[in-house]
Each structure stands twice: as structure tokens, then as C-alpha cells.
N, C-alpha and C. Protein backbone atom coordinates (compact mmCIF):
# COMPACT_ATOMS: atom_id res chain seq x y z
N UNK A 1 0.83 -1.18 0.00
CA UNK A 1 0.00 0.00 0.00
C UNK A 1 0.87 1.24 0.00
N UNK A 2 0.48 2.26 -0.74
CA UNK A 2 1.29 3.47 -0.82
C UNK A 2 1.11 4.33 0.42
N UNK A 3 2.04 5.24 0.63
CA UNK A 3 1.98 6.16 1.75
C UNK A 3 1.59 7.55 1.27
N UNK A 4 0.53 7.64 0.47
CA UNK A 4 0.08 8.93 -0.02
C UNK A 4 -0.37 9.78 1.15
N UNK A 5 -0.32 11.06 0.96
CA UNK A 5 -0.72 11.95 2.04
C UNK A 5 -1.93 12.76 1.64
N UNK A 6 -2.73 13.09 2.64
CA UNK A 6 -3.89 13.96 2.44
C UNK A 6 -3.47 15.40 2.58
N UNK A 7 -4.46 16.28 2.59
CA UNK A 7 -4.20 17.72 2.64
C UNK A 7 -3.48 18.12 3.91
N UNK A 8 -3.68 17.37 5.01
CA UNK A 8 -3.06 17.72 6.27
C UNK A 8 -1.65 17.18 6.41
N UNK A 9 -1.12 16.52 5.40
CA UNK A 9 0.25 16.03 5.44
C UNK A 9 0.38 14.63 6.01
N UNK A 10 -0.68 14.08 6.61
CA UNK A 10 -0.62 12.73 7.18
C UNK A 10 -1.07 11.71 6.16
N UNK A 11 -1.16 10.45 6.58
CA UNK A 11 -1.60 9.42 5.66
C UNK A 11 -3.01 9.70 5.15
N UNK A 12 -3.25 9.43 3.89
CA UNK A 12 -4.58 9.62 3.32
C UNK A 12 -5.57 8.73 4.04
N UNK A 13 -6.76 9.25 4.26
CA UNK A 13 -7.82 8.47 4.88
C UNK A 13 -7.80 8.49 6.39
N UNK A 14 -6.84 9.10 7.03
CA UNK A 14 -6.79 9.18 8.47
C UNK A 14 -7.86 10.16 8.92
N UNK A 15 -8.55 9.86 10.03
CA UNK A 15 -9.61 10.72 10.52
C UNK A 15 -9.13 12.15 10.63
N UNK A 16 -9.95 13.07 10.12
CA UNK A 16 -9.59 14.47 10.17
C UNK A 16 -8.76 14.94 8.99
N UNK A 17 -8.39 14.04 8.11
CA UNK A 17 -7.58 14.39 6.95
C UNK A 17 -8.46 14.31 5.70
N UNK A 18 -8.25 15.22 4.80
CA UNK A 18 -8.99 15.23 3.55
C UNK A 18 -8.11 14.67 2.44
N UNK A 19 -8.68 13.84 1.59
CA UNK A 19 -7.91 13.27 0.48
C UNK A 19 -8.25 13.94 -0.83
N UNK A 20 -9.03 14.97 -0.79
CA UNK A 20 -9.39 15.67 -2.01
C UNK A 20 -10.86 15.49 -2.32
N UNK A 21 -11.39 16.38 -3.14
CA UNK A 21 -12.82 16.33 -3.44
C UNK A 21 -13.17 15.14 -4.33
N UNK A 22 -14.37 14.64 -4.14
CA UNK A 22 -14.88 13.57 -4.99
C UNK A 22 -15.56 14.20 -6.19
N UNK A 23 -15.34 13.62 -7.36
CA UNK A 23 -16.04 14.14 -8.53
C UNK A 23 -17.37 13.41 -8.70
N UNK A 24 -18.11 13.79 -9.72
CA UNK A 24 -19.43 13.22 -9.95
C UNK A 24 -19.37 11.70 -10.16
N UNK A 25 -18.38 11.21 -10.87
CA UNK A 25 -18.26 9.76 -11.11
C UNK A 25 -17.98 9.03 -9.79
N UNK A 26 -17.10 9.59 -8.96
CA UNK A 26 -16.84 8.99 -7.64
C UNK A 26 -18.13 8.90 -6.83
N UNK A 27 -18.92 9.97 -6.82
CA UNK A 27 -20.17 9.98 -6.06
C UNK A 27 -21.15 8.94 -6.59
N UNK A 28 -21.21 8.80 -7.90
CA UNK A 28 -22.11 7.78 -8.48
C UNK A 28 -21.63 6.38 -8.12
N UNK A 29 -20.31 6.17 -8.14
CA UNK A 29 -19.76 4.87 -7.75
C UNK A 29 -20.12 4.57 -6.30
N UNK A 30 -19.92 5.54 -5.42
CA UNK A 30 -20.26 5.34 -4.01
C UNK A 30 -21.74 5.05 -3.82
N UNK A 31 -22.59 5.78 -4.55
CA UNK A 31 -24.03 5.56 -4.45
C UNK A 31 -24.38 4.13 -4.84
N UNK A 32 -23.81 3.64 -5.94
CA UNK A 32 -24.09 2.27 -6.39
C UNK A 32 -23.57 1.25 -5.38
N UNK A 33 -22.37 1.46 -4.85
CA UNK A 33 -21.80 0.50 -3.90
C UNK A 33 -22.55 0.51 -2.57
N UNK A 34 -23.05 1.67 -2.15
CA UNK A 34 -23.86 1.72 -0.92
C UNK A 34 -25.15 0.94 -1.12
N UNK A 35 -25.73 1.05 -2.30
CA UNK A 35 -26.96 0.31 -2.59
C UNK A 35 -26.72 -1.19 -2.70
N UNK A 36 -25.58 -1.56 -3.29
CA UNK A 36 -25.29 -2.99 -3.48
C UNK A 36 -23.77 -3.18 -3.51
N UNK A 37 -23.21 -3.55 -2.37
CA UNK A 37 -21.77 -3.77 -2.27
C UNK A 37 -21.29 -4.99 -3.03
N UNK A 38 -22.21 -5.81 -3.51
CA UNK A 38 -21.84 -7.02 -4.25
C UNK A 38 -21.94 -6.83 -5.75
N UNK A 39 -22.21 -5.62 -6.19
CA UNK A 39 -22.34 -5.34 -7.61
C UNK A 39 -21.05 -5.73 -8.34
N UNK A 40 -21.19 -6.29 -9.53
CA UNK A 40 -20.00 -6.64 -10.30
C UNK A 40 -19.37 -5.37 -10.84
N UNK A 41 -18.09 -5.43 -11.12
CA UNK A 41 -17.38 -4.28 -11.66
C UNK A 41 -17.94 -3.92 -13.04
N UNK A 42 -18.31 -4.92 -13.81
CA UNK A 42 -18.88 -4.67 -15.13
C UNK A 42 -20.19 -3.89 -15.01
N UNK A 43 -21.07 -4.33 -14.10
CA UNK A 43 -22.35 -3.64 -13.91
C UNK A 43 -22.14 -2.25 -13.33
N UNK A 44 -21.21 -2.12 -12.40
CA UNK A 44 -20.89 -0.81 -11.83
C UNK A 44 -20.45 0.15 -12.93
N UNK A 45 -19.54 -0.30 -13.77
CA UNK A 45 -19.03 0.54 -14.86
C UNK A 45 -20.17 0.95 -15.79
N UNK A 46 -21.05 0.01 -16.11
CA UNK A 46 -22.19 0.33 -16.99
C UNK A 46 -23.10 1.37 -16.36
N UNK A 47 -23.39 1.21 -15.06
CA UNK A 47 -24.32 2.12 -14.39
C UNK A 47 -23.76 3.54 -14.24
N UNK A 48 -22.45 3.67 -14.10
CA UNK A 48 -21.88 5.02 -13.94
C UNK A 48 -21.28 5.54 -15.24
N UNK A 49 -21.41 4.75 -16.31
CA UNK A 49 -21.00 5.17 -17.66
C UNK A 49 -19.50 5.44 -17.78
N UNK A 50 -18.70 4.47 -17.28
CA UNK A 50 -17.25 4.52 -17.46
C UNK A 50 -16.79 3.13 -17.88
N UNK A 51 -15.55 3.03 -18.31
CA UNK A 51 -15.00 1.72 -18.68
C UNK A 51 -14.78 0.90 -17.41
N UNK A 52 -14.69 -0.42 -17.60
CA UNK A 52 -14.38 -1.30 -16.46
C UNK A 52 -13.03 -0.94 -15.85
N UNK A 53 -12.05 -0.64 -16.69
CA UNK A 53 -10.72 -0.27 -16.20
C UNK A 53 -10.81 0.98 -15.33
N UNK A 54 -11.56 1.97 -15.77
CA UNK A 54 -11.74 3.20 -15.01
C UNK A 54 -12.46 2.90 -13.69
N UNK A 55 -13.48 2.07 -13.73
CA UNK A 55 -14.22 1.72 -12.51
C UNK A 55 -13.30 1.01 -11.52
N UNK A 56 -12.53 0.04 -12.00
CA UNK A 56 -11.57 -0.65 -11.13
C UNK A 56 -10.60 0.35 -10.49
N UNK A 57 -10.03 1.22 -11.31
CA UNK A 57 -9.04 2.18 -10.82
C UNK A 57 -9.65 3.12 -9.78
N UNK A 58 -10.86 3.58 -10.03
CA UNK A 58 -11.51 4.49 -9.09
C UNK A 58 -11.84 3.81 -7.77
N UNK A 59 -12.36 2.59 -7.84
CA UNK A 59 -12.67 1.86 -6.60
C UNK A 59 -11.39 1.60 -5.82
N UNK A 60 -10.33 1.20 -6.50
CA UNK A 60 -9.04 0.98 -5.82
C UNK A 60 -8.54 2.26 -5.16
N UNK A 61 -8.67 3.40 -5.85
CA UNK A 61 -8.24 4.67 -5.27
C UNK A 61 -9.10 5.03 -4.06
N UNK A 62 -10.41 4.83 -4.16
CA UNK A 62 -11.31 5.13 -3.05
C UNK A 62 -11.00 4.24 -1.84
N UNK A 63 -10.61 3.00 -2.10
CA UNK A 63 -10.18 2.11 -1.01
C UNK A 63 -8.86 2.58 -0.41
N UNK A 64 -7.89 2.84 -1.27
CA UNK A 64 -6.56 3.27 -0.82
C UNK A 64 -6.62 4.57 -0.02
N UNK A 65 -7.47 5.51 -0.46
CA UNK A 65 -7.59 6.80 0.21
C UNK A 65 -8.44 6.74 1.48
N UNK A 66 -9.03 5.57 1.75
CA UNK A 66 -9.83 5.43 2.97
C UNK A 66 -11.24 5.98 2.83
N UNK A 67 -11.66 6.32 1.62
CA UNK A 67 -13.03 6.77 1.42
C UNK A 67 -13.97 5.57 1.58
N UNK A 68 -13.64 4.47 0.94
CA UNK A 68 -14.35 3.20 1.15
C UNK A 68 -13.55 2.44 2.19
N UNK A 69 -14.20 2.08 3.29
CA UNK A 69 -13.49 1.42 4.38
C UNK A 69 -13.74 -0.08 4.44
N UNK A 70 -14.61 -0.58 3.60
CA UNK A 70 -14.86 -2.02 3.59
C UNK A 70 -16.22 -2.32 2.98
N UNK A 71 -16.52 -3.58 2.89
CA UNK A 71 -17.77 -4.07 2.35
C UNK A 71 -18.34 -5.05 3.35
N UNK A 72 -19.65 -4.95 3.61
CA UNK A 72 -20.24 -5.85 4.59
C UNK A 72 -21.71 -6.10 4.30
N UNK A 73 -22.24 -7.12 4.90
CA UNK A 73 -23.66 -7.40 4.78
C UNK A 73 -24.42 -6.50 5.75
N UNK A 74 -25.57 -6.02 5.33
CA UNK A 74 -26.45 -5.30 6.24
C UNK A 74 -27.42 -6.31 6.81
N UNK A 75 -27.46 -6.40 8.13
CA UNK A 75 -28.28 -7.40 8.80
C UNK A 75 -29.50 -6.72 9.43
N UNK A 76 -30.68 -7.23 9.15
CA UNK A 76 -31.89 -6.72 9.78
C UNK A 76 -31.92 -7.25 11.22
N UNK A 77 -31.91 -6.37 12.22
CA UNK A 77 -31.78 -6.82 13.61
C UNK A 77 -32.88 -7.77 14.08
N UNK A 78 -34.14 -7.42 13.83
CA UNK A 78 -35.22 -8.25 14.36
C UNK A 78 -35.22 -9.68 13.83
N UNK A 79 -35.15 -9.89 12.50
CA UNK A 79 -35.10 -11.27 12.01
C UNK A 79 -33.86 -12.03 12.49
N UNK A 80 -32.79 -11.27 12.85
CA UNK A 80 -31.56 -11.90 13.33
C UNK A 80 -31.60 -12.15 14.84
N UNK A 81 -32.74 -11.89 15.48
CA UNK A 81 -32.88 -12.19 16.90
C UNK A 81 -32.53 -11.04 17.82
N UNK A 82 -32.38 -9.84 17.29
CA UNK A 82 -32.07 -8.67 18.11
C UNK A 82 -33.23 -7.69 18.04
N UNK A 83 -34.31 -8.03 18.73
CA UNK A 83 -35.57 -7.30 18.63
C UNK A 83 -35.68 -6.05 19.48
N UNK A 84 -34.71 -5.79 20.33
CA UNK A 84 -34.75 -4.60 21.18
C UNK A 84 -33.57 -3.71 20.84
N UNK A 85 -33.86 -2.49 20.42
CA UNK A 85 -32.80 -1.53 20.09
C UNK A 85 -33.00 -0.28 20.93
N UNK A 86 -31.89 0.34 21.32
CA UNK A 86 -31.95 1.57 22.11
C UNK A 86 -30.70 2.39 21.86
N UNK A 87 -30.86 3.69 22.00
CA UNK A 87 -29.71 4.60 22.01
C UNK A 87 -29.43 4.94 23.46
N UNK A 88 -28.16 4.90 23.82
CA UNK A 88 -27.75 5.25 25.18
C UNK A 88 -26.82 6.44 25.09
N UNK A 89 -27.19 7.52 25.77
CA UNK A 89 -26.32 8.70 25.85
C UNK A 89 -25.56 8.61 27.17
N UNK A 90 -24.25 8.81 27.09
CA UNK A 90 -23.41 8.76 28.29
C UNK A 90 -22.81 10.13 28.56
N UNK A 91 -22.77 10.48 29.82
CA UNK A 91 -21.99 11.62 30.27
C UNK A 91 -20.79 11.03 31.00
N UNK A 92 -19.60 11.47 30.61
CA UNK A 92 -18.38 10.87 31.17
C UNK A 92 -17.47 11.96 31.72
N UNK A 93 -16.53 11.54 32.55
CA UNK A 93 -15.47 12.43 32.98
C UNK A 93 -14.63 12.74 31.75
N UNK A 94 -14.37 14.00 31.50
CA UNK A 94 -13.76 14.43 30.26
C UNK A 94 -12.41 13.79 29.95
N UNK A 95 -11.63 13.50 30.95
CA UNK A 95 -10.30 12.93 30.70
C UNK A 95 -10.31 11.41 30.56
N UNK A 96 -11.49 10.79 30.47
CA UNK A 96 -11.57 9.33 30.41
C UNK A 96 -12.11 8.80 29.08
N UNK A 97 -12.24 9.67 28.06
CA UNK A 97 -12.91 9.24 26.84
C UNK A 97 -12.19 8.09 26.14
N UNK A 98 -10.88 8.04 26.21
CA UNK A 98 -10.16 6.93 25.56
C UNK A 98 -10.48 5.60 26.24
N UNK A 99 -10.41 5.59 27.55
CA UNK A 99 -10.68 4.36 28.30
C UNK A 99 -12.14 3.94 28.15
N UNK A 100 -13.07 4.92 28.24
CA UNK A 100 -14.49 4.61 28.10
C UNK A 100 -14.76 4.05 26.70
N UNK A 101 -14.19 4.68 25.68
CA UNK A 101 -14.38 4.20 24.30
C UNK A 101 -13.88 2.78 24.14
N UNK A 102 -12.71 2.49 24.71
CA UNK A 102 -12.14 1.14 24.59
C UNK A 102 -13.03 0.11 25.28
N UNK A 103 -13.58 0.47 26.43
CA UNK A 103 -14.47 -0.46 27.15
C UNK A 103 -15.77 -0.68 26.39
N UNK A 104 -16.35 0.39 25.87
CA UNK A 104 -17.59 0.27 25.10
C UNK A 104 -17.40 -0.64 23.90
N UNK A 105 -16.25 -0.55 23.25
CA UNK A 105 -15.97 -1.37 22.07
C UNK A 105 -15.94 -2.85 22.40
N UNK A 106 -15.75 -3.20 23.66
CA UNK A 106 -15.68 -4.61 24.07
C UNK A 106 -17.01 -5.16 24.58
N UNK A 107 -18.05 -4.34 24.60
CA UNK A 107 -19.33 -4.79 25.13
C UNK A 107 -20.18 -5.38 24.01
N UNK A 108 -20.58 -6.62 24.20
CA UNK A 108 -21.45 -7.27 23.23
C UNK A 108 -22.77 -6.51 23.16
N UNK A 109 -23.33 -6.43 21.99
CA UNK A 109 -24.60 -5.80 21.66
C UNK A 109 -24.48 -4.30 21.39
N UNK A 110 -23.33 -3.68 21.63
CA UNK A 110 -23.17 -2.29 21.21
C UNK A 110 -22.72 -2.32 19.75
N UNK A 111 -23.60 -1.84 18.89
CA UNK A 111 -23.32 -1.88 17.45
C UNK A 111 -22.48 -0.70 17.01
N UNK A 112 -22.69 0.44 17.62
CA UNK A 112 -22.02 1.67 17.18
C UNK A 112 -21.94 2.63 18.35
N UNK A 113 -20.86 3.38 18.42
CA UNK A 113 -20.74 4.43 19.43
C UNK A 113 -20.05 5.63 18.80
N UNK A 114 -20.42 6.82 19.25
CA UNK A 114 -19.84 8.05 18.72
C UNK A 114 -19.55 9.02 19.86
N UNK A 115 -18.39 9.66 19.80
CA UNK A 115 -18.08 10.74 20.73
C UNK A 115 -18.76 11.99 20.23
N UNK A 116 -19.38 12.73 21.14
CA UNK A 116 -20.18 13.89 20.76
C UNK A 116 -19.68 15.17 21.40
N UNK A 117 -20.10 16.26 20.85
CA UNK A 117 -19.97 17.56 21.50
C UNK A 117 -21.39 18.00 21.81
N UNK A 118 -21.65 18.40 23.03
CA UNK A 118 -23.00 18.81 23.39
C UNK A 118 -23.34 18.36 24.79
N UNK A 119 -24.63 18.17 25.02
CA UNK A 119 -25.12 17.82 26.35
C UNK A 119 -24.56 16.48 26.84
N UNK A 120 -24.44 15.51 25.94
CA UNK A 120 -23.89 14.21 26.29
C UNK A 120 -22.56 14.03 25.58
N UNK A 121 -21.75 13.10 26.07
CA UNK A 121 -20.40 12.91 25.54
C UNK A 121 -20.29 11.75 24.56
N UNK A 122 -21.13 10.73 24.75
CA UNK A 122 -21.08 9.53 23.91
C UNK A 122 -22.51 9.10 23.62
N UNK A 123 -22.75 8.64 22.39
CA UNK A 123 -24.03 8.05 22.03
C UNK A 123 -23.74 6.66 21.49
N UNK A 124 -24.41 5.67 22.06
CA UNK A 124 -24.19 4.28 21.65
C UNK A 124 -25.51 3.66 21.21
N UNK A 125 -25.44 2.88 20.14
CA UNK A 125 -26.59 2.11 19.66
C UNK A 125 -26.44 0.68 20.15
N UNK A 126 -27.44 0.23 20.89
CA UNK A 126 -27.43 -1.13 21.43
C UNK A 126 -28.52 -1.93 20.72
N UNK A 127 -28.17 -3.13 20.28
CA UNK A 127 -29.14 -4.05 19.69
C UNK A 127 -29.06 -5.33 20.51
N UNK A 128 -30.14 -5.63 21.21
CA UNK A 128 -30.16 -6.77 22.13
C UNK A 128 -31.34 -7.69 21.80
N UNK A 129 -31.26 -8.93 22.26
CA UNK A 129 -32.36 -9.86 21.98
C UNK A 129 -33.65 -9.50 22.71
N UNK A 130 -33.54 -8.87 23.88
CA UNK A 130 -34.74 -8.59 24.68
C UNK A 130 -34.44 -7.48 25.70
N UNK A 131 -35.48 -7.05 26.41
CA UNK A 131 -35.33 -5.97 27.39
C UNK A 131 -34.41 -6.36 28.54
N UNK A 132 -34.44 -7.60 28.96
CA UNK A 132 -33.58 -8.03 30.07
C UNK A 132 -32.10 -7.89 29.68
N UNK A 133 -31.77 -8.26 28.46
CA UNK A 133 -30.38 -8.12 28.01
C UNK A 133 -30.01 -6.65 27.88
N UNK A 134 -30.93 -5.84 27.36
CA UNK A 134 -30.68 -4.40 27.28
C UNK A 134 -30.40 -3.83 28.67
N UNK A 135 -31.21 -4.21 29.65
CA UNK A 135 -31.00 -3.77 31.03
C UNK A 135 -29.62 -4.16 31.53
N UNK A 136 -29.21 -5.39 31.26
CA UNK A 136 -27.89 -5.84 31.70
C UNK A 136 -26.77 -5.05 31.03
N UNK A 137 -26.94 -4.74 29.73
CA UNK A 137 -25.92 -3.97 29.02
C UNK A 137 -25.80 -2.58 29.65
N UNK A 138 -26.95 -1.91 29.85
CA UNK A 138 -26.92 -0.53 30.37
C UNK A 138 -26.53 -0.50 31.84
N UNK A 139 -27.27 -1.22 32.67
CA UNK A 139 -27.06 -1.12 34.12
C UNK A 139 -25.87 -1.94 34.61
N UNK A 140 -25.62 -3.06 33.96
CA UNK A 140 -24.53 -3.93 34.42
C UNK A 140 -23.18 -3.61 33.81
N UNK A 141 -23.16 -3.36 32.51
CA UNK A 141 -21.87 -3.17 31.84
C UNK A 141 -21.50 -1.70 31.67
N UNK A 142 -22.37 -0.93 31.01
CA UNK A 142 -22.03 0.45 30.67
C UNK A 142 -21.86 1.30 31.93
N UNK A 143 -22.81 1.22 32.83
CA UNK A 143 -22.73 2.07 34.03
C UNK A 143 -21.61 1.68 34.98
N UNK A 144 -21.04 0.51 34.78
CA UNK A 144 -19.92 0.10 35.65
C UNK A 144 -18.56 0.52 35.10
N UNK A 145 -18.52 1.12 33.94
CA UNK A 145 -17.25 1.57 33.35
C UNK A 145 -16.74 2.77 34.13
N UNK A 146 -15.49 2.70 34.54
CA UNK A 146 -14.88 3.83 35.24
C UNK A 146 -14.90 5.05 34.33
N UNK A 147 -15.36 6.16 34.86
CA UNK A 147 -15.44 7.39 34.10
C UNK A 147 -16.83 7.72 33.61
N UNK A 148 -17.75 6.74 33.62
CA UNK A 148 -19.13 7.00 33.21
C UNK A 148 -19.86 7.63 34.40
N UNK A 149 -20.34 8.85 34.21
CA UNK A 149 -21.03 9.57 35.28
C UNK A 149 -22.54 9.30 35.27
N UNK A 150 -23.13 9.23 34.06
CA UNK A 150 -24.56 8.95 33.96
C UNK A 150 -24.89 8.45 32.56
N UNK A 151 -26.07 7.84 32.45
CA UNK A 151 -26.56 7.38 31.15
C UNK A 151 -28.02 7.78 31.01
N UNK A 152 -28.44 7.87 29.78
CA UNK A 152 -29.84 8.11 29.47
C UNK A 152 -30.18 7.21 28.29
N UNK A 153 -31.28 6.48 28.38
CA UNK A 153 -31.62 5.48 27.37
C UNK A 153 -32.91 5.84 26.65
N UNK A 154 -32.87 5.72 25.32
CA UNK A 154 -34.06 5.91 24.49
C UNK A 154 -34.33 4.61 23.75
N UNK A 155 -35.50 4.02 23.97
CA UNK A 155 -35.90 2.80 23.29
C UNK A 155 -36.33 3.14 21.86
N UNK A 156 -35.89 2.35 20.90
CA UNK A 156 -36.23 2.55 19.49
C UNK A 156 -37.48 1.73 19.17
N UNK A 157 -38.52 2.42 18.68
CA UNK A 157 -39.76 1.73 18.31
C UNK A 157 -39.74 1.28 16.86
N UNK A 158 -39.15 2.10 15.99
CA UNK A 158 -39.09 1.78 14.57
C UNK A 158 -37.92 2.52 13.95
N UNK A 159 -37.35 1.95 12.90
CA UNK A 159 -36.21 2.56 12.22
C UNK A 159 -36.46 2.63 10.73
N UNK A 160 -35.81 3.59 10.08
CA UNK A 160 -35.85 3.69 8.64
C UNK A 160 -34.61 4.42 8.18
N UNK A 161 -34.22 4.17 6.95
CA UNK A 161 -33.10 4.87 6.33
C UNK A 161 -33.64 6.03 5.51
N UNK A 162 -32.82 7.06 5.35
CA UNK A 162 -33.20 8.16 4.48
C UNK A 162 -33.32 7.68 3.05
N UNK A 163 -34.11 8.37 2.26
CA UNK A 163 -34.34 7.91 0.90
C UNK A 163 -33.33 8.44 -0.11
N UNK A 164 -32.55 9.46 0.27
CA UNK A 164 -31.58 10.01 -0.68
C UNK A 164 -30.16 9.77 -0.18
N UNK A 165 -29.35 9.21 -1.04
CA UNK A 165 -27.96 8.98 -0.72
C UNK A 165 -27.21 10.32 -0.73
N UNK A 166 -26.29 10.53 0.20
CA UNK A 166 -25.50 11.77 0.15
C UNK A 166 -24.50 11.76 -1.01
N UNK A 167 -24.39 10.64 -1.71
CA UNK A 167 -23.39 10.51 -2.79
C UNK A 167 -23.97 10.84 -4.15
N UNK A 168 -25.25 11.13 -4.22
CA UNK A 168 -25.88 11.44 -5.51
C UNK A 168 -25.57 12.84 -5.94
């Protein structure tokens, strides 16, 4: 892998670093890959109106630059046995965010966590099989992490994705 640099002088794709603007073809490629990460390169090239060679080169560059970070299956939580979802907002001691983040990353059923600026410091998405497991995650695991001062939990009743891709 090359050691290209972004605008900030560090490795391309590193958080906080810009690798340059995406053009219209890049955005169309991203839109197609977000819709179907298993799309063939031939079909991708046809849909964005470029040659297969160009499509390959662009996808490789987007991967190398850290714009595309991977490909994965999207799993529907309820059919997969995770019928209870909730967002948990944490307020933490300010100097403990690294340790708290590392601990949260090790807790089963936490699908995603983000450090925030605002009223709360961390927002975590929990997907659990049932309310009892959710309770154990919040009250047993999360609240026992050193540096966590308080939590607030919002139960998710229904979810949906936006209808417009930001890559269009």
C-alpha cells in the first residue's frame, strides 16, 4: 500500500484528513456501492458510464484513500434475533474518553458508538435480543465503566433509512 498523504500532510484516509474532493463519477460509484456492495465491476461501470478499467481504478483509489473502508452485509436486527434496540447517551469524565471508548468497544450488543460535542459525551446504539439483556448492558456493563457519570436510554420503536444517498 502506498503512503500517499492527504491535505493535512498525514496518511490519506486518516480521521480528520482530507484526500481531495470527490467528482461526480466517484459519487455515483459510491451511491451504487452503498446500494449494493456485491455489484459486479462490469455492472458498476455500466451504471456510472465509465469503462471497467476506469471503474476498477476508481474503486481501488477510493479504497486506498480510505473513502471506502470495507464491504459488509447489512443485517436486519429483528429477524436476526435482536428485537430490542436503544440509544444510550453517556456523560463521562472528560479525561476518560479513551478508556471509556475502549471499554464500550468490548461490550457485546453495542453496534455503534460516537463521541459527541453537546449535552452528552457519547451516544451508543445497542441491539439486544430482549429488554432483560438491554437492562444488563446498560445497568450492568455500561454504568460500571470507570469514568461514566450517567446514562440516558431511548428505546427505538421503529427505524428507517433516508431515501436520498449523500453521494448522488
